[in-house]
Amino acid sequence: TAPLLPADKPRYLMGVGTPLDIVRGIDAGVDMFDCVLPTRNARNG
């Protein structure tokens, strides 16, 4: 999907979020990421 989006506009992957997911998303051409994972997992130790 990522390469199908306009190359001159930011691309945002919604709610996907392990560190590896983020790096692989960048590898696919994604620019923006969010996820509750870092704070939720922090509260779980």
ModelCIF file with pLDDT and N, C-alpha, C, O atoms, coordinates in Angstrom:
data_MODEL
#
_entry.id   MODEL 
#
_entity.id                         1 
_entity.type                       polymer 
_entity.pdbx_number_of_molecules   1 
#
_entity_poly.entity_id                      1 
_entity_poly.type                           'polypeptide(L)' 
_entity_poly.nstd_linkage                   no 
_entity_poly.nstd_monomer                   no 
_entity_poly.pdbx_seq_one_letter_code       TAPLLPADKPRYLMGVGTPLDIVRGIDAGVDMFDCVLPTRNARNG 
_entity_poly.pdbx_seq_one_letter_code_can   TAPLLPADKPRYLMGVGTPLDIVRGIDAGVDMFDCVLPTRNARNG 
_entity_poly.pdbx_strand_id                 A 
#
loop_
_entity_poly_seq.entity_id 
_entity_poly_seq.num 
_entity_poly_seq.mon_id 
_entity_poly_seq.hetero 
1 1  THR n 
1 2  ALA n 
1 3  PRO n 
1 4  LEU n 
1 5  LEU n 
1 6  PRO n 
1 7  ALA n 
1 8  ASP n 
1 9  LYS n 
1 10 PRO n 
1 11 ARG n 
1 12 TYR n 
1 13 LEU n 
1 14 MET n 
1 15 GLY n 
1 16 VAL n 
1 17 GLY n 
1 18 THR n 
1 19 PRO n 
1 20 LEU n 
1 21 ASP n 
1 22 ILE n 
1 23 VAL n 
1 24 ARG n 
1 25 GLY n 
1 26 ILE n 
1 27 ASP n 
1 28 ALA n 
1 29 GLY n 
1 30 VAL n 
1 31 ASP n 
1 32 MET n 
1 33 PHE n 
1 34 ASP n 
1 35 CYS n 
1 36 VAL n 
1 37 LEU n 
1 38 PRO n 
1 39 THR n 
1 40 ARG n 
1 41 ASN n 
1 42 ALA n 
1 43 ARG n 
1 44 ASN n 
1 45 GLY n 
#
_struct_asym.id          A 
_struct_asym.entity_id   1 
#
loop_
_ma_qa_metric.id 
_ma_qa_metric.mode 
_ma_qa_metric.name 
_ma_qa_metric.software_group_id 
_ma_qa_metric.type 
1 global pLDDT . pLDDT 
2 local  pLDDT . pLDDT 
#
_ma_qa_metric_global.metric_id      1 
_ma_qa_metric_global.metric_value   97.29 
_ma_qa_metric_global.model_id       1 
_ma_qa_metric_global.ordinal_id     1 
#
loop_
_ma_qa_metric_local.label_asym_id 
_ma_qa_metric_local.label_comp_id 
_ma_qa_metric_local.label_seq_id 
_ma_qa_metric_local.metric_id 
_ma_qa_metric_local.metric_value 
_ma_qa_metric_local.model_id 
_ma_qa_metric_local.ordinal_id 
A THR 1  2 98.00 1 1  
A ALA 2  2 98.00 1 2  
A PRO 3  2 98.00 1 3  
A LEU 4  2 98.00 1 4  
A LEU 5  2 98.00 1 5  
A PRO 6  2 98.00 1 6  
A ALA 7  2 98.00 1 7  
A ASP 8  2 98.00 1 8  
A LYS 9  2 98.00 1 9  
A PRO 10 2 98.00 1 10 
A ARG 11 2 98.00 1 11 
A TYR 12 2 98.00 1 12 
A LEU 13 2 98.00 1 13 
A MET 14 2 97.00 1 14 
A GLY 15 2 94.00 1 15 
A VAL 16 2 92.00 1 16 
A GLY 17 2 87.00 1 17 
A THR 18 2 95.00 1 18 
A PRO 19 2 97.00 1 19 
A LEU 20 2 97.00 1 20 
A ASP 21 2 97.00 1 21 
A ILE 22 2 98.00 1 22 
A VAL 23 2 98.00 1 23 
A ARG 24 2 98.00 1 24 
A GLY 25 2 98.00 1 25 
A ILE 26 2 98.00 1 26 
A ASP 27 2 98.00 1 27 
A ALA 28 2 98.00 1 28 
A GLY 29 2 98.00 1 29 
A VAL 30 2 98.00 1 30 
A ASP 31 2 99.00 1 31 
A MET 32 2 98.00 1 32 
A PHE 33 2 98.00 1 33 
A ASP 34 2 98.00 1 34 
A CYS 35 2 96.00 1 35 
A VAL 36 2 96.00 1 36 
A LEU 37 2 97.00 1 37 
A PRO 38 2 98.00 1 38 
A THR 39 2 98.00 1 39 
A ARG 40 2 98.00 1 40 
A ASN 41 2 98.00 1 41 
A ALA 42 2 98.00 1 42 
A ARG 43 2 98.00 1 43 
A ASN 44 2 98.00 1 44 
A GLY 45 2 98.00 1 45 
#
loop_
_atom_site.group_PDB 
_atom_site.id 
_atom_site.type_symbol 
_atom_site.label_atom_id 
_atom_site.label_alt_id 
_atom_site.label_comp_id 
_atom_site.label_asym_id 
_atom_site.label_entity_id 
_atom_site.label_seq_id 
_atom_site.pdbx_PDB_ins_code 
_atom_site.Cartn_x 
_atom_site.Cartn_y 
_atom_site.Cartn_z 
_atom_site.occupancy 
_atom_site.B_iso_or_equiv 
_atom_site.pdbx_formal_charge 
_atom_site.auth_seq_id 
_atom_site.auth_comp_id 
_atom_site.auth_asym_id 
_atom_site.auth_atom_id 
_atom_site.pdbx_PDB_model_num 
ATOM 1   N N  . THR A 1 1  ? 0.802  -1.218 0.000  1.00 98.00 ? 1  THR A N  1 
ATOM 2   C CA . THR A 1 1  ? 0.000  0.000  0.000  1.00 98.00 ? 1  THR A CA 1 
ATOM 3   C C  . THR A 1 1  ? 0.836  1.269  0.000  1.00 98.00 ? 1  THR A C  1 
ATOM 4   O O  . THR A 1 1  ? 0.527  2.205  -0.737 1.00 98.00 ? 1  THR A O  1 
ATOM 5   N N  . ALA A 1 2  ? 1.891  1.321  0.813  1.00 98.00 ? 2  ALA A N  1 
ATOM 6   C CA . ALA A 1 2  ? 2.645  2.572  0.985  1.00 98.00 ? 2  ALA A CA 1 
ATOM 7   C C  . ALA A 1 2  ? 3.115  3.179  -0.338 1.00 98.00 ? 2  ALA A C  1 
ATOM 8   O O  . ALA A 1 2  ? 2.963  4.385  -0.531 1.00 98.00 ? 2  ALA A O  1 
ATOM 9   N N  . PRO A 1 3  ? 3.686  2.380  -1.265 1.00 98.00 ? 3  PRO A N  1 
ATOM 10  C CA . PRO A 1 3  ? 4.161  2.984  -2.516 1.00 98.00 ? 3  PRO A CA 1 
ATOM 11  C C  . PRO A 1 3  ? 3.050  3.515  -3.416 1.00 98.00 ? 3  PRO A C  1 
ATOM 12  O O  . PRO A 1 3  ? 3.322  4.262  -4.356 1.00 98.00 ? 3  PRO A O  1 
ATOM 13  N N  . LEU A 1 4  ? 1.798  3.136  -3.140 1.00 98.00 ? 4  LEU A N  1 
ATOM 14  C CA . LEU A 1 4  ? 0.682  3.605  -3.955 1.00 98.00 ? 4  LEU A CA 1 
ATOM 15  C C  . LEU A 1 4  ? 0.247  5.020  -3.582 1.00 98.00 ? 4  LEU A C  1 
ATOM 16  O O  . LEU A 1 4  ? -0.497 5.657  -4.328 1.00 98.00 ? 4  LEU A O  1 
ATOM 17  N N  . LEU A 1 5  ? 0.704  5.513  -2.436 1.00 98.00 ? 5  LEU A N  1 
ATOM 18  C CA . LEU A 1 5  ? 0.303  6.835  -1.963 1.00 98.00 ? 5  LEU A CA 1 
ATOM 19  C C  . LEU A 1 5  ? 1.196  7.912  -2.581 1.00 98.00 ? 5  LEU A C  1 
ATOM 20  O O  . LEU A 1 5  ? 2.349  7.637  -2.912 1.00 98.00 ? 5  LEU A O  1 
ATOM 21  N N  . PRO A 1 6  ? 0.681  9.130  -2.741 1.00 98.00 ? 6  PRO A N  1 
ATOM 22  C CA . PRO A 1 6  ? 1.475  10.192 -3.372 1.00 98.00 ? 6  PRO A CA 1 
ATOM 23  C C  . PRO A 1 6  ? 2.843  10.348 -2.706 1.00 98.00 ? 6  PRO A C  1 
ATOM 24  O O  . PRO A 1 6  ? 2.945  10.450 -1.484 1.00 98.00 ? 6  PRO A O  1 
ATOM 25  N N  . ALA A 1 7  ? 3.873  10.364 -3.520 1.00 98.00 ? 7  ALA A N  1 
ATOM 26  C CA . ALA A 1 7  ? 5.242  10.402 -2.994 1.00 98.00 ? 7  ALA A CA 1 
ATOM 27  C C  . ALA A 1 7  ? 5.592  11.739 -2.381 1.00 98.00 ? 7  ALA A C  1 
ATOM 28  O O  . ALA A 1 7  ? 6.521  11.822 -1.578 1.00 98.00 ? 7  ALA A O  1 
ATOM 29  N N  . ASP A 1 8  ? 4.873  12.785 -2.740 1.00 98.00 ? 8  ASP A N  1 
ATOM 30  C CA . ASP A 1 8  ? 5.203  14.119 -2.240 1.00 98.00 ? 8  ASP A CA 1 
ATOM 31  C C  . ASP A 1 8  ? 4.391  14.518 -1.009 1.00 98.00 ? 8  ASP A C  1 
ATOM 32  O O  . ASP A 1 8  ? 4.427  15.674 -0.589 1.00 98.00 ? 8  ASP A O  1 
ATOM 33  N N  . LYS A 1 9  ? 3.655  13.557 -0.426 1.00 98.00 ? 9  LYS A N  1 
ATOM 34  C CA . LYS A 1 9  ? 2.853  13.825 0.771  1.00 98.00 ? 9  LYS A CA 1 
ATOM 35  C C  . LYS A 1 9  ? 3.282  12.870 1.883  1.00 98.00 ? 9  LYS A C  1 
ATOM 36  O O  . LYS A 1 9  ? 3.751  11.768 1.601  1.00 98.00 ? 9  LYS A O  1 
ATOM 37  N N  . PRO A 1 10 ? 3.126  13.284 3.150  1.00 98.00 ? 10 PRO A N  1 
ATOM 38  C CA . PRO A 1 10 ? 3.478  12.385 4.250  1.00 98.00 ? 10 PRO A CA 1 
ATOM 39  C C  . PRO A 1 10 ? 2.561  11.173 4.308  1.00 98.00 ? 10 PRO A C  1 
ATOM 40  O O  . PRO A 1 10 ? 1.369  11.255 4.009  1.00 98.00 ? 10 PRO A O  1 
ATOM 41  N N  . ARG A 1 11 ? 3.143  10.051 4.699  1.00 98.00 ? 11 ARG A N  1 
ATOM 42  C CA . ARG A 1 11 ? 2.422  8.781  4.826  1.00 98.00 ? 11 ARG A CA 1 
ATOM 43  C C  . ARG A 1 11 ? 2.448  8.346  6.284  1.00 98.00 ? 11 ARG A C  1 
ATOM 44  O O  . ARG A 1 11 ? 3.504  8.333  6.916  1.00 98.00 ? 11 ARG A O  1 
ATOM 45  N N  . TYR A 1 12 ? 1.300  7.995  6.806  1.00 98.00 ? 12 TYR A N  1 
ATOM 46  C CA . TYR A 1 12 ? 1.125  7.728  8.244  1.00 98.00 ? 12 TYR A CA 1 
ATOM 47  C C  . TYR A 1 12 ? 0.533  6.335  8.428  1.00 98.00 ? 12 TYR A C  1 
ATOM 48  O O  . TYR A 1 12 ? -0.547 6.043  7.915  1.00 98.00 ? 12 TYR A O  1 
ATOM 49  N N  . LEU A 1 13 ? 1.235  5.482  9.155  1.00 98.00 ? 13 LEU A N  1 
ATOM 50  C CA . LEU A 1 13 ? 0.745  4.146  9.483  1.00 98.00 ? 13 LEU A CA 1 
ATOM 51  C C  . LEU A 1 13 ? 0.109  4.200  10.860 1.00 98.00 ? 13 LEU A C  1 
ATOM 52  O O  . LEU A 1 13 ? 0.789  4.447  11.855 1.00 98.00 ? 13 LEU A O  1 
ATOM 53  N N  . MET A 1 14 ? -1.195 3.970  10.916 1.00 97.00 ? 14 MET A N  1 
ATOM 54  C CA . MET A 1 14 ? -1.950 4.214  12.140 1.00 97.00 ? 14 MET A CA 1 
ATOM 55  C C  . MET A 1 14 ? -1.895 3.035  13.106 1.00 97.00 ? 14 MET A C  1 
ATOM 56  O O  . MET A 1 14 ? -2.234 1.905  12.752 1.00 97.00 ? 14 MET A O  1 
ATOM 57  N N  . GLY A 1 15 ? -1.461 3.319  14.328 1.00 94.00 ? 15 GLY A N  1 
ATOM 58  C CA . GLY A 1 15 ? -1.594 2.373  15.424 1.00 94.00 ? 15 GLY A CA 1 
ATOM 59  C C  . GLY A 1 15 ? -0.725 1.145  15.343 1.00 94.00 ? 15 GLY A C  1 
ATOM 60  O O  . GLY A 1 15 ? -1.004 0.152  16.016 1.00 94.00 ? 15 GLY A O  1 
ATOM 61  N N  . VAL A 1 16 ? 0.327  1.179  14.536 1.00 92.00 ? 16 VAL A N  1 
ATOM 62  C CA . VAL A 1 16 ? 1.227  0.025  14.400 1.00 92.00 ? 16 VAL A CA 1 
ATOM 63  C C  . VAL A 1 16 ? 2.565  0.437  14.949 1.00 92.00 ? 16 VAL A C  1 
ATOM 64  O O  . VAL A 1 16 ? 3.069  1.514  14.630 1.00 92.00 ? 16 VAL A O  1 
ATOM 65  N N  . GLY A 1 17 ? 3.104  -0.351 15.716 1.00 87.00 ? 17 GLY A N  1 
ATOM 66  C CA . GLY A 1 17 ? 4.004  0.012  16.630 1.00 87.00 ? 17 GLY A CA 1 
ATOM 67  C C  . GLY A 1 17 ? 5.004  -0.681 17.410 1.00 87.00 ? 17 GLY A C  1 
ATOM 68  O O  . GLY A 1 17 ? 5.427  -0.076 18.395 1.00 87.00 ? 17 GLY A O  1 
ATOM 69  N N  . THR A 1 18 ? 5.486  -1.884 17.153 1.00 95.00 ? 18 THR A N  1 
ATOM 70  C CA . THR A 1 18 ? 6.703  -2.340 17.831 1.00 95.00 ? 18 THR A CA 1 
ATOM 71  C C  . THR A 1 18 ? 7.898  -1.657 17.165 1.00 95.00 ? 18 THR A C  1 
ATOM 72  O O  . THR A 1 18 ? 7.771  -1.164 16.044 1.00 95.00 ? 18 THR A O  1 
ATOM 73  N N  . PRO A 1 19 ? 9.047  -1.618 17.827 1.00 97.00 ? 19 PRO A N  1 
ATOM 74  C CA . PRO A 1 19 ? 10.219 -1.031 17.157 1.00 97.00 ? 19 PRO A CA 1 
ATOM 75  C C  . PRO A 1 19 ? 10.512 -1.665 15.798 1.00 97.00 ? 19 PRO A C  1 
ATOM 76  O O  . PRO A 1 19 ? 10.851 -0.960 14.847 1.00 97.00 ? 19 PRO A O  1 
ATOM 77  N N  . LEU A 1 20 ? 10.383 -2.982 15.699 1.00 97.00 ? 20 LEU A N  1 
ATOM 78  C CA . LEU A 1 20 ? 10.640 -3.645 14.423 1.00 97.00 ? 20 LEU A CA 1 
ATOM 79  C C  . LEU A 1 20 ? 9.585  -3.273 13.390 1.00 97.00 ? 20 LEU A C  1 
ATOM 80  O O  . LEU A 1 20 ? 9.912  -3.072 12.221 1.00 97.00 ? 20 LEU A O  1 
ATOM 81  N N  . ASP A 1 21 ? 8.305  -3.176 13.810 1.00 97.00 ? 21 ASP A N  1 
ATOM 82  C CA . ASP A 1 21 ? 7.252  -2.740 12.890 1.00 97.00 ? 21 ASP A CA 1 
ATOM 83  C C  . ASP A 1 21 ? 7.565  -1.354 12.332 1.00 97.00 ? 21 ASP A C  1 
ATOM 84  O O  . ASP A 1 21 ? 7.387  -1.100 11.141 1.00 97.00 ? 21 ASP A O  1 
ATOM 85  N N  . ILE A 1 22 ? 8.028  -0.467 13.197 1.00 98.00 ? 22 ILE A N  1 
ATOM 86  C CA . ILE A 1 22 ? 8.321  0.898  12.777 1.00 98.00 ? 22 ILE A CA 1 
ATOM 87  C C  . ILE A 1 22 ? 9.452  0.908  11.758 1.00 98.00 ? 22 ILE A C  1 
ATOM 88  O O  . ILE A 1 22 ? 9.355  1.569  10.724 1.00 98.00 ? 22 ILE A O  1 
ATOM 89  N N  . VAL A 1 23 ? 10.519 0.180  12.047 1.00 98.00 ? 23 VAL A N  1 
ATOM 90  C CA . VAL A 1 23 ? 11.662 0.151  11.124 1.00 98.00 ? 23 VAL A CA 1 
ATOM 91  C C  . VAL A 1 23 ? 11.254 -0.456 9.793  1.00 98.00 ? 23 VAL A C  1 
ATOM 92  O O  . VAL A 1 23 ? 11.663 0.034  8.741  1.00 98.00 ? 23 VAL A O  1 
ATOM 93  N N  . ARG A 1 24 ? 10.456 -1.516 9.822  1.00 98.00 ? 24 ARG A N  1 
ATOM 94  C CA . ARG A 1 24 ? 9.989  -2.107 8.562  1.00 98.00 ? 24 ARG A CA 1 
ATOM 95  C C  . ARG A 1 24 ? 9.027  -1.175 7.840  1.00 98.00 ? 24 ARG A C  1 
ATOM 96  O O  . ARG A 1 24 ? 8.994  -1.154 6.610  1.00 98.00 ? 24 ARG A O  1 
ATOM 97  N N  . GLY A 1 25 ? 8.243  -0.405 8.588  1.00 98.00 ? 25 GLY A N  1 
ATOM 98  C CA . GLY A 1 25 ? 7.373  0.574  7.963  1.00 98.00 ? 25 GLY A CA 1 
ATOM 99  C C  . GLY A 1 25 ? 8.167  1.663  7.260  1.00 98.00 ? 25 GLY A C  1 
ATOM 100 O O  . GLY A 1 25 ? 7.822  2.077  6.154  1.00 98.00 ? 25 GLY A O  1 
ATOM 101 N N  . ILE A 1 26 ? 9.227  2.123  7.903  1.00 98.00 ? 26 ILE A N  1 
ATOM 102 C CA . ILE A 1 26 ? 10.105 3.113  7.268  1.00 98.00 ? 26 ILE A CA 1 
ATOM 103 C C  . ILE A 1 26 ? 10.717 2.529  6.003  1.00 98.00 ? 26 ILE A C  1 
ATOM 104 O O  . ILE A 1 26 ? 10.849 3.219  4.992  1.00 98.00 ? 26 ILE A O  1 
ATOM 105 N N  . ASP A 1 27 ? 11.089 1.261  6.066  1.00 98.00 ? 27 ASP A N  1 
ATOM 106 C CA . ASP A 1 27 ? 11.659 0.584  4.903  1.00 98.00 ? 27 ASP A CA 1 
ATOM 107 C C  . ASP A 1 27 ? 10.672 0.549  3.735  1.00 98.00 ? 27 ASP A C  1 
ATOM 108 O O  . ASP A 1 27 ? 11.079 0.500  2.575  1.00 98.00 ? 27 ASP A O  1 
ATOM 109 N N  . ALA A 1 28 ? 9.366  0.575  4.048  1.00 98.00 ? 28 ALA A N  1 
ATOM 110 C CA . ALA A 1 28 ? 8.330  0.561  3.014  1.00 98.00 ? 28 ALA A CA 1 
ATOM 111 C C  . ALA A 1 28 ? 7.978  1.960  2.517  1.00 98.00 ? 28 ALA A C  1 
ATOM 112 O O  . ALA A 1 28 ? 7.217  2.108  1.561  1.00 98.00 ? 28 ALA A O  1 
ATOM 113 N N  . GLY A 1 29 ? 8.536  2.993  3.169  1.00 98.00 ? 29 GLY A N  1 
ATOM 114 C CA . GLY A 1 29 ? 8.277  4.351  2.728  1.00 98.00 ? 29 GLY A CA 1 
ATOM 115 C C  . GLY A 1 29 ? 7.314  5.140  3.593  1.00 98.00 ? 29 GLY A C  1 
ATOM 116 O O  . GLY A 1 29 ? 6.805  6.173  3.158  1.00 98.00 ? 29 GLY A O  1 
ATOM 117 N N  . VAL A 1 30 ? 7.048  4.672  4.824  1.00 98.00 ? 30 VAL A N  1 
ATOM 118 C CA . VAL A 1 30 ? 6.146  5.368  5.747  1.00 98.00 ? 30 VAL A CA 1 
ATOM 119 C C  . VAL A 1 30 ? 6.935  6.423  6.527  1.00 98.00 ? 30 VAL A C  1 
ATOM 120 O O  . VAL A 1 30 ? 8.114  6.245  6.832  1.00 98.00 ? 30 VAL A O  1 
ATOM 121 N N  . ASP A 1 31 ? 6.246  7.532  6.842  1.00 99.00 ? 31 ASP A N  1 
ATOM 122 C CA . ASP A 1 31 ? 6.891  8.665  7.495  1.00 99.00 ? 31 ASP A CA 1 
ATOM 123 C C  . ASP A 1 31 ? 6.466  8.877  8.949  1.00 99.00 ? 31 ASP A C  1 
ATOM 124 O O  . ASP A 1 31 ? 7.229  9.440  9.732  1.00 99.00 ? 31 ASP A O  1 
ATOM 125 N N  . MET A 1 32 ? 5.263  8.437  9.322  1.00 98.00 ? 32 MET A N  1 
ATOM 126 C CA . MET A 1 32 ? 4.717  8.775  10.632 1.00 98.00 ? 32 MET A CA 1 
ATOM 127 C C  . MET A 1 32 ? 4.100  7.537  11.271 1.00 98.00 ? 32 MET A C  1 
ATOM 128 O O  . MET A 1 32 ? 3.475  6.715  10.601 1.00 98.00 ? 32 MET A O  1 
ATOM 129 N N  . PHE A 1 33 ? 4.294  7.424  12.597 1.00 98.00 ? 33 PHE A N  1 
ATOM 130 C CA . PHE A 1 33 ? 3.832  6.252  13.338 1.00 98.00 ? 33 PHE A CA 1 
ATOM 131 C C  . PHE A 1 33 ? 3.281  6.689  14.690 1.00 98.00 ? 33 PHE A C  1 
ATOM 132 O O  . PHE A 1 33 ? 3.721  7.691  15.255 1.00 98.00 ? 33 PHE A O  1 
ATOM 133 N N  . ASP A 1 34 ? 2.315  5.932  15.203 1.00 98.00 ? 34 ASP A N  1 
ATOM 134 C CA . ASP A 1 34 ? 1.855  6.110  16.579 1.00 98.00 ? 34 ASP A CA 1 
ATOM 135 C C  . ASP A 1 34 ? 1.482  4.755  17.137 1.00 98.00 ? 34 ASP A C  1 
ATOM 136 O O  . ASP A 1 34 ? 1.133  3.841  16.390 1.00 98.00 ? 34 ASP A O  1 
ATOM 137 N N  . CYS A 1 35 ? 1.554  4.626  18.439 1.00 96.00 ? 35 CYS A N  1 
ATOM 138 C CA . CYS A 1 35 ? 1.107  3.397  19.099 1.00 96.00 ? 35 CYS A CA 1 
ATOM 139 C C  . CYS A 1 35 ? 1.097  3.630  20.602 1.00 96.00 ? 35 CYS A C  1 
ATOM 140 O O  . CYS A 1 35 ? 1.922  4.381  21.123 1.00 96.00 ? 35 CYS A O  1 
ATOM 141 N N  . VAL A 1 36 ? 0.159  2.985  21.305 1.00 96.00 ? 36 VAL A N  1 
ATOM 142 C CA . VAL A 1 36 ? 0.130  3.067  22.766 1.00 96.00 ? 36 VAL A CA 1 
ATOM 143 C C  . VAL A 1 36 ? 1.154  2.133  23.400 1.00 96.00 ? 36 VAL A C  1 
ATOM 144 O O  . VAL A 1 36 ? 1.345  2.155  24.616 1.00 96.00 ? 36 VAL A O  1 
ATOM 145 N N  . LEU A 1 37 ? 1.810  1.318  22.589 1.00 97.00 ? 37 LEU A N  1 
ATOM 146 C CA . LEU A 1 37 ? 2.672  0.250  23.112 1.00 97.00 ? 37 LEU A CA 1 
ATOM 147 C C  . LEU A 1 37 ? 3.741  0.740  24.099 1.00 97.00 ? 37 LEU A C  1 
ATOM 148 O O  . LEU A 1 37 ? 3.856  0.147  25.172 1.00 97.00 ? 37 LEU A O  1 
ATOM 149 N N  . PRO A 1 38 ? 4.526  1.780  23.806 1.00 98.00 ? 38 PRO A N  1 
ATOM 150 C CA . PRO A 1 38 ? 5.593  2.134  24.740 1.00 98.00 ? 38 PRO A CA 1 
ATOM 151 C C  . PRO A 1 38 ? 5.086  2.539  26.121 1.00 98.00 ? 38 PRO A C  1 
ATOM 152 O O  . PRO A 1 38 ? 5.686  2.157  27.126 1.00 98.00 ? 38 PRO A O  1 
ATOM 153 N N  . THR A 1 39 ? 3.993  3.303  26.194 1.00 98.00 ? 39 THR A N  1 
ATOM 154 C CA . THR A 1 39 ? 3.496  3.701  27.507 1.00 98.00 ? 39 THR A CA 1 
ATOM 155 C C  . THR A 1 39 ? 2.690  2.592  28.176 1.00 98.00 ? 39 THR A C  1 
ATOM 156 O O  . THR A 1 39 ? 2.772  2.421  29.392 1.00 98.00 ? 39 THR A O  1 
ATOM 157 N N  . ARG A 1 40 ? 1.917  1.843  27.406 1.00 98.00 ? 40 ARG A N  1 
ATOM 158 C CA . ARG A 1 40 ? 1.162  0.731  28.001 1.00 98.00 ? 40 ARG A CA 1 
ATOM 159 C C  . ARG A 1 40 ? 2.113  -0.319 28.562 1.00 98.00 ? 40 ARG A C  1 
ATOM 160 O O  . ARG A 1 40 ? 1.936  -0.781 29.689 1.00 98.00 ? 40 ARG A O  1 
ATOM 161 N N  . ASN A 1 41 ? 3.126  -0.698 27.773 1.00 98.00 ? 41 ASN A N  1 
ATOM 162 C CA . ASN A 1 41 ? 4.074  -1.686 28.260 1.00 98.00 ? 41 ASN A CA 1 
ATOM 163 C C  . ASN A 1 41 ? 4.885  -1.155 29.436 1.00 98.00 ? 41 ASN A C  1 
ATOM 164 O O  . ASN A 1 41 ? 5.245  -1.912 30.339 1.00 98.00 ? 41 ASN A O  1 
ATOM 165 N N  . ALA A 1 42 ? 5.174  0.150  29.426 1.00 98.00 ? 42 ALA A N  1 
ATOM 166 C CA . ALA A 1 42 ? 5.888  0.736  30.560 1.00 98.00 ? 42 ALA A CA 1 
ATOM 167 C C  . ALA A 1 42 ? 5.100  0.531  31.847 1.00 98.00 ? 42 ALA A C  1 
ATOM 168 O O  . ALA A 1 42 ? 5.674  0.208  32.887 1.00 98.00 ? 42 ALA A O  1 
ATOM 169 N N  . ARG A 1 43 ? 3.796  0.718  31.778 1.00 98.00 ? 43 ARG A N  1 
ATOM 170 C CA . ARG A 1 43 ? 2.966  0.542  32.975 1.00 98.00 ? 43 ARG A CA 1 
ATOM 171 C C  . ARG A 1 43 ? 2.841  -0.914 33.370 1.00 98.00 ? 43 ARG A C  1 
ATOM 172 O O  . ARG A 1 43 ? 2.467  -1.222 34.501 1.00 98.00 ? 43 ARG A O  1 
ATOM 173 N N  . ASN A 1 44 ? 3.155  -1.824 32.435 1.00 98.00 ? 44 ASN A N  1 
ATOM 174 C CA . ASN A 1 44 ? 3.139  -3.261 32.741 1.00 98.00 ? 44 ASN A CA 1 
ATOM 175 C C  . ASN A 1 44 ? 4.527  -3.808 33.071 1.00 98.00 ? 44 ASN A C  1 
ATOM 176 O O  . ASN A 1 44 ? 4.682  -5.004 33.315 1.00 98.00 ? 44 ASN A O  1 
ATOM 177 N N  . GLY A 1 45 ? 5.538  -2.929 33.079 1.00 98.00 ? 45 GLY A N  1 
ATOM 178 C CA . GLY A 1 45 ? 6.885  -3.350 33.457 1.00 98.00 ? 45 GLY A CA 1 
ATOM 179 C C  . GLY A 1 45 ? 7.734  -3.891 32.333 1.00 98.00 ? 45 GLY A C  1 
ATOM 180 O O  . GLY A 1 45 ? 8.884  -4.270 32.556 1.00 98.00 ? 45 GLY A O  1 
#
